[in-house]
């Protein structure tokens, strides 16, 4: 059985619309320049700053904008960046969506 392009497959789940995002910054975060800067930042600052503040030494995995770009934060300023582990980044991002 062949399904025409653009036709919905009955077994595929419906996609949820993304809400709360005014702008899509995926092209920025997928750019070579951002990936290089993020990698260099993590090499220079390898520990999660939120965990360090609680006295825990944990390896950072994400370069995060202290003030999100969508809230007017500087995209390329290193003073607006911090190294976070996945858990701290997810927690911070969830709070920002509220």
PDB file of N, CA and C in Angstrom:
ATOM      1  N   UNK A   1       0.840  -1.179   0.000  1.00  0.00           N
ATOM      2  CA  UNK A   1       0.000   0.000   0.000  1.00  0.00           C
ATOM      3  C   UNK A   1       0.886   1.244   0.000  1.00  0.00           C
ATOM      4  N   UNK A   2       0.626   2.144  -0.907  1.00  0.00           N
ATOM      5  CA  UNK A   2       1.412   3.366  -1.012  1.00  0.00           C
ATOM      6  C   UNK A   2       0.558   4.552  -0.587  1.00  0.00           C
ATOM      7  N   UNK A   3       1.122   5.403   0.269  1.00  0.00           N
ATOM      8  CA  UNK A   3       0.405   6.583   0.753  1.00  0.00           C
ATOM      9  C   UNK A   3       0.977   7.801   0.046  1.00  0.00           C
ATOM     10  N   UNK A   4       0.100   8.620  -0.469  1.00  0.00           N
ATOM     11  CA  UNK A   4       0.524   9.811  -1.186  1.00  0.00           C
ATOM     12  C   UNK A   4       1.223  10.789  -0.241  1.00  0.00           C
ATOM     13  N   UNK A   5       2.146  11.569  -0.806  1.00  0.00           N
ATOM     14  CA  UNK A   5       2.833  12.576  -0.006  1.00  0.00           C
ATOM     15  C   UNK A   5       1.832  13.580   0.537  1.00  0.00           C
ATOM     16  N   UNK A   6       2.045  13.995   1.741  1.00  0.00           N
ATOM     17  CA  UNK A   6       1.173  14.969   2.369  1.00  0.00           C
ATOM     18  C   UNK A   6      -0.024  14.357   3.072  1.00  0.00           C
ATOM     19  N   UNK A   7      -0.279  13.094   2.819  1.00  0.00           N
ATOM     20  CA  UNK A   7      -1.399  12.418   3.481  1.00  0.00           C
ATOM     21  C   UNK A   7      -0.948  11.955   4.856  1.00  0.00           C
ATOM     22  N   UNK A   8      -1.827  12.094   5.831  1.00  0.00           N
ATOM     23  CA  UNK A   8      -1.504  11.670   7.183  1.00  0.00           C
ATOM     24  C   UNK A   8      -1.593  10.155   7.302  1.00  0.00           C
ATOM     25  N   UNK A   9      -0.601   9.597   7.945  1.00  0.00           N
ATOM     26  CA  UNK A   9      -0.589   8.167   8.172  1.00  0.00           C
ATOM     27  C   UNK A   9      -1.443   7.875   9.405  1.00  0.00           C
ATOM     28  N   UNK A  10      -2.403   6.962   9.314  1.00  0.00           N
ATOM     29  CA  UNK A  10      -3.318   6.736  10.439  1.00  0.00           C
ATOM     30  C   UNK A  10      -2.636   6.226  11.703  1.00  0.00           C
ATOM     31  N   UNK A  11      -1.487   5.603  11.574  1.00  0.00           N
ATOM     32  CA  UNK A  11      -0.798   5.063  12.754  1.00  0.00           C
ATOM     33  C   UNK A  11       0.144   6.079  13.397  1.00  0.00           C
ATOM     34  N   UNK A  12       0.439   7.172  12.703  1.00  0.00           N
ATOM     35  CA  UNK A  12       1.373   8.175  13.222  1.00  0.00           C
ATOM     36  C   UNK A  12       0.663   9.077  14.232  1.00  0.00           C
ATOM     37  N   UNK A  13       1.315   9.376  15.368  1.00  0.00           N
ATOM     38  CA  UNK A  13       0.688  10.252  16.357  1.00  0.00           C
ATOM     39  C   UNK A  13       0.584  11.678  15.829  1.00  0.00           C
ATOM     40  N   UNK A  14      -0.425  12.401  16.312  1.00  0.00           N
ATOM     41  CA  UNK A  14      -0.582  13.794  15.909  1.00  0.00           C
ATOM     42  C   UNK A  14       0.527  14.608  16.551  1.00  0.00           C
ATOM     43  N   UNK A  15       1.054  15.560  15.811  1.00  0.00           N
ATOM     44  CA  UNK A  15       2.087  16.439  16.339  1.00  0.00           C
ATOM     45  C   UNK A  15       1.445  17.559  17.131  1.00  0.00           C
ATOM     46  N   UNK A  16       2.038  17.847  18.262  1.00  0.00           N
ATOM     47  CA  UNK A  16       1.539  18.946  19.083  1.00  0.00           C
ATOM     48  C   UNK A  16       2.149  20.250  18.578  1.00  0.00           C
ATOM     49  N   UNK A  17       1.350  21.273  18.531  1.00  0.00           N
ATOM     50  CA  UNK A  17       1.840  22.587  18.132  1.00  0.00           C
ATOM     51  C   UNK A  17       2.688  23.151  19.261  1.00  0.00           C
ATOM     52  N   UNK A  18       3.802  23.775  18.901  1.00  0.00           N
ATOM     53  CA  UNK A  18       4.645  24.393  19.915  1.00  0.00           C
ATOM     54  C   UNK A  18       4.006  25.698  20.349  1.00  0.00           C
ATOM     55  N   UNK A  19       3.868  25.857  21.634  1.00  0.00           N
ATOM     56  CA  UNK A  19       3.273  27.082  22.161  1.00  0.00           C
ATOM     57  C   UNK A  19       4.292  27.809  23.010  1.00  0.00           C
ATOM     58  N   UNK A  20       4.115  29.104  23.106  1.00  0.00           N
ATOM     59  CA  UNK A  20       4.977  29.896  23.965  1.00  0.00           C
ATOM     60  C   UNK A  20       6.234  30.403  23.292  1.00  0.00           C
ATOM     61  N   UNK A  21       6.518  29.938  22.112  1.00  0.00           N
ATOM     62  CA  UNK A  21       7.707  30.423  21.417  1.00  0.00           C
ATOM     63  C   UNK A  21       7.309  31.499  20.427  1.00  0.00           C
ATOM     64  N   UNK A  22       7.912  32.655  20.588  1.00  0.00           N
ATOM     65  CA  UNK A  22       7.618  33.751  19.674  1.00  0.00           C
ATOM     66  C   UNK A  22       8.514  33.683  18.455  1.00  0.00           C
ATOM     67  N   UNK A  23       9.739  33.243  18.655  1.00  0.00           N
ATOM     68  CA  UNK A  23      10.704  33.167  17.574  1.00  0.00           C
ATOM     69  C   UNK A  23      11.365  31.798  17.599  1.00  0.00           C
ATOM     70  N   UNK A  24      11.804  31.378  16.438  1.00  0.00           N
ATOM     71  CA  UNK A  24      12.507  30.107  16.344  1.00  0.00           C
ATOM     72  C   UNK A  24      13.999  30.394  16.203  1.00  0.00           C
ATOM     73  N   UNK A  25      14.775  29.972  17.184  1.00  0.00           N
ATOM     74  CA  UNK A  25      16.218  30.222  17.167  1.00  0.00           C
ATOM     75  C   UNK A  25      17.006  28.969  16.785  1.00  0.00           C
ATOM     76  N   UNK A  26      16.344  27.978  16.208  1.00  0.00           N
ATOM     77  CA  UNK A  26      17.025  26.722  15.893  1.00  0.00           C
ATOM     78  C   UNK A  26      18.161  26.931  14.892  1.00  0.00           C
ATOM     79  N   UNK A  27      18.003  27.851  13.949  1.00  0.00           N
ATOM     80  CA  UNK A  27      19.080  28.077  12.981  1.00  0.00           C
ATOM     81  C   UNK A  27      20.314  28.650  13.676  1.00  0.00           C
ATOM     82  N   UNK A  28      20.100  29.467  14.711  1.00  0.00           N
ATOM     83  CA  UNK A  28      21.221  30.016  15.480  1.00  0.00           C
ATOM     84  C   UNK A  28      21.948  28.902  16.226  1.00  0.00           C
ATOM     85  N   UNK A  29      21.191  28.085  16.965  1.00  0.00           N
ATOM     86  CA  UNK A  29      21.805  27.040  17.778  1.00  0.00           C
ATOM     87  C   UNK A  29      22.389  25.908  16.944  1.00  0.00           C
ATOM     88  N   UNK A  30      21.966  25.757  15.711  1.00  0.00           N
ATOM     89  CA  UNK A  30      22.526  24.735  14.830  1.00  0.00           C
ATOM     90  C   UNK A  30      23.657  25.261  13.957  1.00  0.00           C
ATOM     91  N   UNK A  31      24.000  26.536  14.085  1.00  0.00           N
ATOM     92  CA  UNK A  31      25.056  27.125  13.257  1.00  0.00           C
ATOM     93  C   UNK A  31      26.432  26.630  13.691  1.00  0.00           C
ATOM     94  N   UNK A  32      27.338  26.576  12.748  1.00  0.00           N
ATOM     95  CA  UNK A  32      28.712  26.149  13.023  1.00  0.00           C
ATOM     96  C   UNK A  32      29.378  27.101  14.013  1.00  0.00           C
ATOM     97  N   UNK A  33      29.125  28.390  13.855  1.00  0.00           N
ATOM     98  CA  UNK A  33      29.748  29.388  14.740  1.00  0.00           C
ATOM     99  C   UNK A  33      29.325  29.164  16.192  1.00  0.00           C
ATOM    100  N   UNK A  34      28.020  28.923  16.433  1.00  0.00           N
ATOM    101  CA  UNK A  34      27.557  28.695  17.801  1.00  0.00           C
ATOM    102  C   UNK A  34      28.135  27.404  18.364  1.00  0.00           C
ATOM    103  N   UNK A  35      28.153  26.358  17.564  1.00  0.00           N
ATOM    104  CA  UNK A  35      28.681  25.076  18.052  1.00  0.00           C
ATOM    105  C   UNK A  35      30.143  25.183  18.437  1.00  0.00           C
ATOM    106  N   UNK A  36      30.928  25.917  17.633  1.00  0.00           N
ATOM    107  CA  UNK A  36      32.346  26.110  17.956  1.00  0.00           C
ATOM    108  C   UNK A  36      32.513  26.923  19.238  1.00  0.00           C
ATOM    109  N   UNK A  37      31.732  27.999  19.364  1.00  0.00           N
ATOM    110  CA  UNK A  37      31.815  28.842  20.561  1.00  0.00           C
ATOM    111  C   UNK A  37      31.395  28.058  21.798  1.00  0.00           C
ATOM    112  N   UNK A  38      30.327  27.297  21.684  1.00  0.00           N
ATOM    113  CA  UNK A  38      29.833  26.501  22.807  1.00  0.00           C
ATOM    114  C   UNK A  38      30.865  25.463  23.241  1.00  0.00           C
ATOM    115  N   UNK A  39      31.463  24.795  22.274  1.00  0.00           N
ATOM    116  CA  UNK A  39      32.482  23.780  22.571  1.00  0.00           C
ATOM    117  C   UNK A  39      33.689  24.413  23.263  1.00  0.00           C
ATOM    118  N   UNK A  40      34.114  25.583  22.777  1.00  0.00           N
ATOM    119  CA  UNK A  40      35.254  26.288  23.377  1.00  0.00           C
ATOM    120  C   UNK A  40      34.911  26.748  24.797  1.00  0.00           C
ATOM    121  N   UNK A  41      33.686  27.214  24.980  1.00  0.00           N
ATOM    122  CA  UNK A  41      33.237  27.677  26.307  1.00  0.00           C
ATOM    123  C   UNK A  41      33.252  26.523  27.309  1.00  0.00           C
ATOM    124  N   UNK A  42      32.745  25.365  26.884  1.00  0.00           N
ATOM    125  CA  UNK A  42      32.714  24.202  27.779  1.00  0.00           C
ATOM    126  C   UNK A  42      34.122  23.696  28.094  1.00  0.00           C
ATOM    127  N   UNK A  43      35.041  23.841  27.150  1.00  0.00           N
ATOM    128  CA  UNK A  43      36.430  23.434  27.398  1.00  0.00           C
ATOM    129  C   UNK A  43      37.083  24.362  28.434  1.00  0.00           C
ATOM    130  N   UNK A  44      36.743  25.647  28.358  1.00  0.00           N
ATOM    131  CA  UNK A  44      37.322  26.632  29.278  1.00  0.00           C
ATOM    132  C   UNK A  44      36.623  26.608  30.645  1.00  0.00           C
ATOM    133  N   UNK A  45      35.316  26.327  30.653  1.00  0.00           N
ATOM    134  CA  UNK A  45      34.519  26.291  31.890  1.00  0.00           C
ATOM    135  C   UNK A  45      33.793  24.947  31.950  1.00  0.00           C
ATOM    136  N   UNK A  46      34.492  23.878  32.361  1.00  0.00           N
ATOM    137  CA  UNK A  46      33.922  22.523  32.272  1.00  0.00           C
ATOM    138  C   UNK A  46      32.950  22.121  33.376  1.00  0.00           C
ATOM    139  N   UNK A  47      32.747  22.956  34.398  1.00  0.00           N
ATOM    140  CA  UNK A  47      31.868  22.583  35.504  1.00  0.00           C
ATOM    141  C   UNK A  47      30.566  23.378  35.478  1.00  0.00           C
ATOM    142  N   UNK A  48      29.491  22.749  35.907  1.00  0.00           N
ATOM    143  CA  UNK A  48      28.173  23.368  35.988  1.00  0.00           C
ATOM    144  C   UNK A  48      28.184  24.438  37.081  1.00  0.00           C
ATOM    145  N   UNK A  49      27.824  25.670  36.712  1.00  0.00           N
ATOM    146  CA  UNK A  49      27.873  26.766  37.682  1.00  0.00           C
ATOM    147  C   UNK A  49      26.781  26.646  38.747  1.00  0.00           C
ATOM    148  N   UNK A  50      25.614  26.111  38.395  1.00  0.00           N
ATOM    149  CA  UNK A  50      24.551  25.946  39.392  1.00  0.00           C
ATOM    150  C   UNK A  50      24.919  24.874  40.418  1.00  0.00           C
ATOM    151  N   UNK A  51      25.497  23.776  39.960  1.00  0.00           N
ATOM    152  CA  UNK A  51      25.931  22.724  40.890  1.00  0.00           C
ATOM    153  C   UNK A  51      27.070  23.227  41.769  1.00  0.00           C
ATOM    154  N   UNK A  52      28.003  23.959  41.179  1.00  0.00           N
ATOM    155  CA  UNK A  52      29.120  24.511  41.948  1.00  0.00           C
ATOM    156  C   UNK A  52      28.613  25.413  43.070  1.00  0.00           C
ATOM    157  N   UNK A  53      27.574  26.184  42.802  1.00  0.00           N
ATOM    158  CA  UNK A  53      27.015  27.081  43.812  1.00  0.00           C
ATOM    159  C   UNK A  53      26.453  26.304  45.001  1.00  0.00           C
ATOM    160  N   UNK A  54      26.069  25.038  44.761  1.00  0.00           N
ATOM    161  CA  UNK A  54      25.561  24.175  45.834  1.00  0.00           C
ATOM    162  C   UNK A  54      26.656  23.281  46.415  1.00  0.00           C
ATOM    163  N   UNK A  55      27.908  23.483  45.984  1.00  0.00           N
ATOM    164  CA  UNK A  55      29.026  22.711  46.505  1.00  0.00           C
ATOM    165  C   UNK A  55      29.217  21.363  45.824  1.00  0.00           C
ATOM    166  N   UNK A  56      28.617  21.166  44.648  1.00  0.00           N
ATOM    167  CA  UNK A  56      28.717  19.909  43.913  1.00  0.00           C
ATOM    168  C   UNK A  56      29.574  20.138  42.675  1.00  0.00           C
ATOM    169  N   UNK A  57      30.518  19.249  42.437  1.00  0.00           N
ATOM    170  CA  UNK A  57      31.333  19.329  41.228  1.00  0.00           C
ATOM    171  C   UNK A  57      30.750  18.382  40.188  1.00  0.00           C
ATOM    172  N   UNK A  58      30.185  18.966  39.135  1.00  0.00           N
ATOM    173  CA  UNK A  58      29.555  18.166  38.092  1.00  0.00           C
ATOM    174  C   UNK A  58      29.928  18.744  36.736  1.00  0.00           C
ATOM    175  N   UNK A  59      30.218  17.867  35.786  1.00  0.00           N
ATOM    176  CA  UNK A  59      30.618  18.288  34.454  1.00  0.00           C
ATOM    177  C   UNK A  59      29.466  18.971  33.721  1.00  0.00           C
ATOM    178  N   UNK A  60      29.770  20.100  33.093  1.00  0.00           N
ATOM    179  CA  UNK A  60      28.778  20.825  32.303  1.00  0.00           C
ATOM    180  C   UNK A  60      28.663  20.195  30.922  1.00  0.00           C
ATOM    181  N   UNK A  61      27.470  20.260  30.351  1.00  0.00           N
ATOM    182  CA  UNK A  61      27.231  19.689  29.026  1.00  0.00           C
ATOM    183  C   UNK A  61      26.592  20.691  28.072  1.00  0.00           C
ATOM    184  N   UNK A  62      26.127  21.826  28.609  1.00  0.00           N
ATOM    185  CA  UNK A  62      25.377  22.793  27.812  1.00  0.00           C
ATOM    186  C   UNK A  62      25.900  24.197  28.069  1.00  0.00           C
ATOM    187  N   UNK A  63      26.043  24.977  26.992  1.00  0.00           N
ATOM    188  CA  UNK A  63      26.324  26.396  27.137  1.00  0.00           C
ATOM    189  C   UNK A  63      24.980  27.102  27.091  1.00  0.00           C
ATOM    190  N   UNK A  64      24.643  27.786  28.169  1.00  0.00           N
ATOM    191  CA  UNK A  64      23.326  28.395  28.331  1.00  0.00           C
ATOM    192  C   UNK A  64      23.439  29.912  28.342  1.00  0.00           C
ATOM    193  N   UNK A  65      22.431  30.583  27.795  1.00  0.00           N
ATOM    194  CA  UNK A  65      22.356  32.043  27.893  1.00  0.00           C
ATOM    195  C   UNK A  65      21.702  32.392  29.227  1.00  0.00           C
ATOM    196  N   UNK A  66      22.381  33.192  30.034  1.00  0.00           N
ATOM    197  CA  UNK A  66      21.866  33.604  31.334  1.00  0.00           C
ATOM    198  C   UNK A  66      20.521  34.314  31.127  1.00  0.00           C
ATOM    199  N   UNK A  67      20.505  35.296  30.239  1.00  0.00           N
ATOM    200  CA  UNK A  67      19.265  35.951  29.815  1.00  0.00           C
ATOM    201  C   UNK A  67      18.965  35.401  28.422  1.00  0.00           C
ATOM    202  N   UNK A  68      17.880  34.661  28.270  1.00  0.00           N
ATOM    203  CA  UNK A  68      17.571  34.043  26.978  1.00  0.00           C
ATOM    204  C   UNK A  68      17.499  35.064  25.839  1.00  0.00           C
ATOM    205  N   UNK A  69      17.874  34.635  24.656  1.00  0.00           N
ATOM    206  CA  UNK A  69      17.849  35.505  23.480  1.00  0.00           C
ATOM    207  C   UNK A  69      16.443  36.049  23.260  1.00  0.00           C
ATOM    208  N   UNK A  70      15.435  35.199  23.436  1.00  0.00           N
ATOM    209  CA  UNK A  70      14.051  35.633  23.193  1.00  0.00           C
ATOM    210  C   UNK A  70      13.585  36.673  24.202  1.00  0.00           C
ATOM    211  N   UNK A  71      14.335  36.830  25.301  1.00  0.00           N
ATOM    212  CA  UNK A  71      14.003  37.852  26.294  1.00  0.00           C
ATOM    213  C   UNK A  71      14.949  39.046  26.192  1.00  0.00           C
ATOM    214  N   UNK A  72      15.696  39.124  25.096  1.00  0.00           N
ATOM    215  CA  UNK A  72      16.567  40.267  24.855  1.00  0.00           C
ATOM    216  C   UNK A  72      18.014  40.070  25.248  1.00  0.00           C
ATOM    217  N   UNK A  73      18.393  38.854  25.613  1.00  0.00           N
ATOM    218  CA  UNK A  73      19.780  38.578  25.977  1.00  0.00           C
ATOM    219  C   UNK A  73      20.705  38.618  24.772  1.00  0.00           C
ATOM    220  N   UNK A  74      21.930  38.994  25.015  1.00  0.00           N
ATOM    221  CA  UNK A  74      22.932  39.069  23.943  1.00  0.00           C
ATOM    222  C   UNK A  74      23.317  37.659  23.493  1.00  0.00           C
ATOM    223  N   UNK A  75      23.201  37.386  22.212  1.00  0.00           N
ATOM    224  CA  UNK A  75      23.442  36.046  21.687  1.00  0.00           C
ATOM    225  C   UNK A  75      24.926  35.668  21.710  1.00  0.00           C
ATOM    226  N   UNK A  76      25.812  36.600  21.405  1.00  0.00           N
ATOM    227  CA  UNK A  76      27.229  36.281  21.250  1.00  0.00           C
ATOM    228  C   UNK A  76      28.104  36.780  22.386  1.00  0.00           C
ATOM    229  N   UNK A  77      27.535  37.454  23.379  1.00  0.00           N
ATOM    230  CA  UNK A  77      28.333  37.966  24.495  1.00  0.00           C
ATOM    231  C   UNK A  77      28.627  36.844  25.476  1.00  0.00           C
ATOM    232  N   UNK A  78      29.898  36.611  25.747  1.00  0.00           N
ATOM    233  CA  UNK A  78      30.271  35.538  26.664  1.00  0.00           C
ATOM    234  C   UNK A  78      29.855  35.850  28.104  1.00  0.00           C
ATOM    235  N   UNK A  79      29.659  37.129  28.415  1.00  0.00           N
ATOM    236  CA  UNK A  79      29.190  37.477  29.763  1.00  0.00           C
ATOM    237  C   UNK A  79      27.730  37.060  29.975  1.00  0.00           C
ATOM    238  N   UNK A  80      27.033  36.726  28.887  1.00  0.00           N
ATOM    239  CA  UNK A  80      25.649  36.256  28.981  1.00  0.00           C
ATOM    240  C   UNK A  80      25.582  34.735  28.855  1.00  0.00           C
ATOM    241  N   UNK A  81      26.703  34.052  29.022  1.00  0.00           N
ATOM    242  CA  UNK A  81      26.750  32.599  28.886  1.00  0.00           C
ATOM    243  C   UNK A  81      27.219  31.949  30.175  1.00  0.00           C
ATOM    244  N   UNK A  82      26.721  30.746  30.412  1.00  0.00           N
ATOM    245  CA  UNK A  82      27.151  29.957  31.564  1.00  0.00           C
ATOM    246  C   UNK A  82      27.144  28.490  31.166  1.00  0.00           C
ATOM    247  N   UNK A  83      27.980  27.721  31.818  1.00  0.00           N
ATOM    248  CA  UNK A  83      28.052  26.280  31.582  1.00  0.00           C
ATOM    249  C   UNK A  83      27.141  25.580  32.579  1.00  0.00           C
ATOM    250  N   UNK A  84      26.269  24.699  32.068  1.00  0.00           N
ATOM    251  CA  UNK A  84      25.339  23.969  32.919  1.00  0.00           C
ATOM    252  C   UNK A  84      25.321  22.487  32.567  1.00  0.00           C
ATOM    253  N   UNK A  85      24.985  21.653  33.554  1.00  0.00           N
ATOM    254  CA  UNK A  85      24.739  20.240  33.270  1.00  0.00           C
ATOM    255  C   UNK A  85      23.327  20.139  32.685  1.00  0.00           C
ATOM    256  N   UNK A  86      22.978  18.989  32.141  1.00  0.00           N
ATOM    257  CA  UNK A  86      21.659  18.829  31.524  1.00  0.00           C
ATOM    258  C   UNK A  86      20.523  19.065  32.519  1.00  0.00           C
ATOM    259  N   UNK A  87      20.658  18.541  33.728  1.00  0.00           N
ATOM    260  CA  UNK A  87      19.586  18.676  34.718  1.00  0.00           C
ATOM    261  C   UNK A  87      19.335  20.144  35.073  1.00  0.00           C
ATOM    262  N   UNK A  88      20.404  20.887  35.337  1.00  0.00           N
ATOM    263  CA  UNK A  88      20.252  22.302  35.694  1.00  0.00           C
ATOM    264  C   UNK A  88      19.714  23.107  34.517  1.00  0.00           C
ATOM    265  N   UNK A  89      20.160  22.782  33.298  1.00  0.00           N
ATOM    266  CA  UNK A  89      19.665  23.487  32.114  1.00  0.00           C
ATOM    267  C   UNK A  89      18.172  23.231  31.916  1.00  0.00           C
ATOM    268  N   UNK A  90      17.751  21.978  32.079  1.00  0.00           N
ATOM    269  CA  UNK A  90      16.336  21.648  31.921  1.00  0.00           C
ATOM    270  C   UNK A  90      15.484  22.339  32.980  1.00  0.00           C
ATOM    271  N   UNK A  91      15.985  22.377  34.213  1.00  0.00           N
ATOM    272  CA  UNK A  91      15.266  23.038  35.306  1.00  0.00           C
ATOM    273  C   UNK A  91      15.126  24.533  35.024  1.00  0.00           C
ATOM    274  N   UNK A  92      16.226  25.167  34.600  1.00  0.00           N
ATOM    275  CA  UNK A  92      16.217  26.605  34.302  1.00  0.00           C
ATOM    276  C   UNK A  92      15.280  26.907  33.136  1.00  0.00           C
ATOM    277  N   UNK A  93      15.333  26.103  32.092  1.00  0.00           N
ATOM    278  CA  UNK A  93      14.482  26.317  30.919  1.00  0.00           C
ATOM    279  C   UNK A  93      13.007  26.164  31.275  1.00  0.00           C
ATOM    280  N   UNK A  94      12.689  25.198  32.114  1.00  0.00           N
ATOM    281  CA  UNK A  94      11.300  24.996  32.524  1.00  0.00           C
ATOM    282  C   UNK A  94      10.775  26.204  33.303  1.00  0.00           C
ATOM    283  N   UNK A  95      11.605  26.777  34.170  1.00  0.00           N
ATOM    284  CA  UNK A  95      11.193  27.957  34.939  1.00  0.00           C
ATOM    285  C   UNK A  95      10.975  29.151  34.023  1.00  0.00           C
ATOM    286  N   UNK A  96      11.784  29.271  32.963  1.00  0.00           N
ATOM    287  CA  UNK A  96      11.669  30.400  32.043  1.00  0.00           C
ATOM    288  C   UNK A  96      10.396  30.328  31.219  1.00  0.00           C
ATOM    289  N   UNK A  97       9.852  29.136  31.033  1.00  0.00           N
ATOM    290  CA  UNK A  97       8.643  28.991  30.228  1.00  0.00           C
ATOM    291  C   UNK A  97       7.377  29.399  30.980  1.00  0.00           C
ATOM    292  N   UNK A  98       7.483  29.482  32.301  1.00  0.00           N
ATOM    293  CA  UNK A  98       6.301  29.838  33.109  1.00  0.00           C
ATOM    294  C   UNK A  98       5.884  31.274  32.933  1.00  0.00           C
TER     295      UNK A  98
END
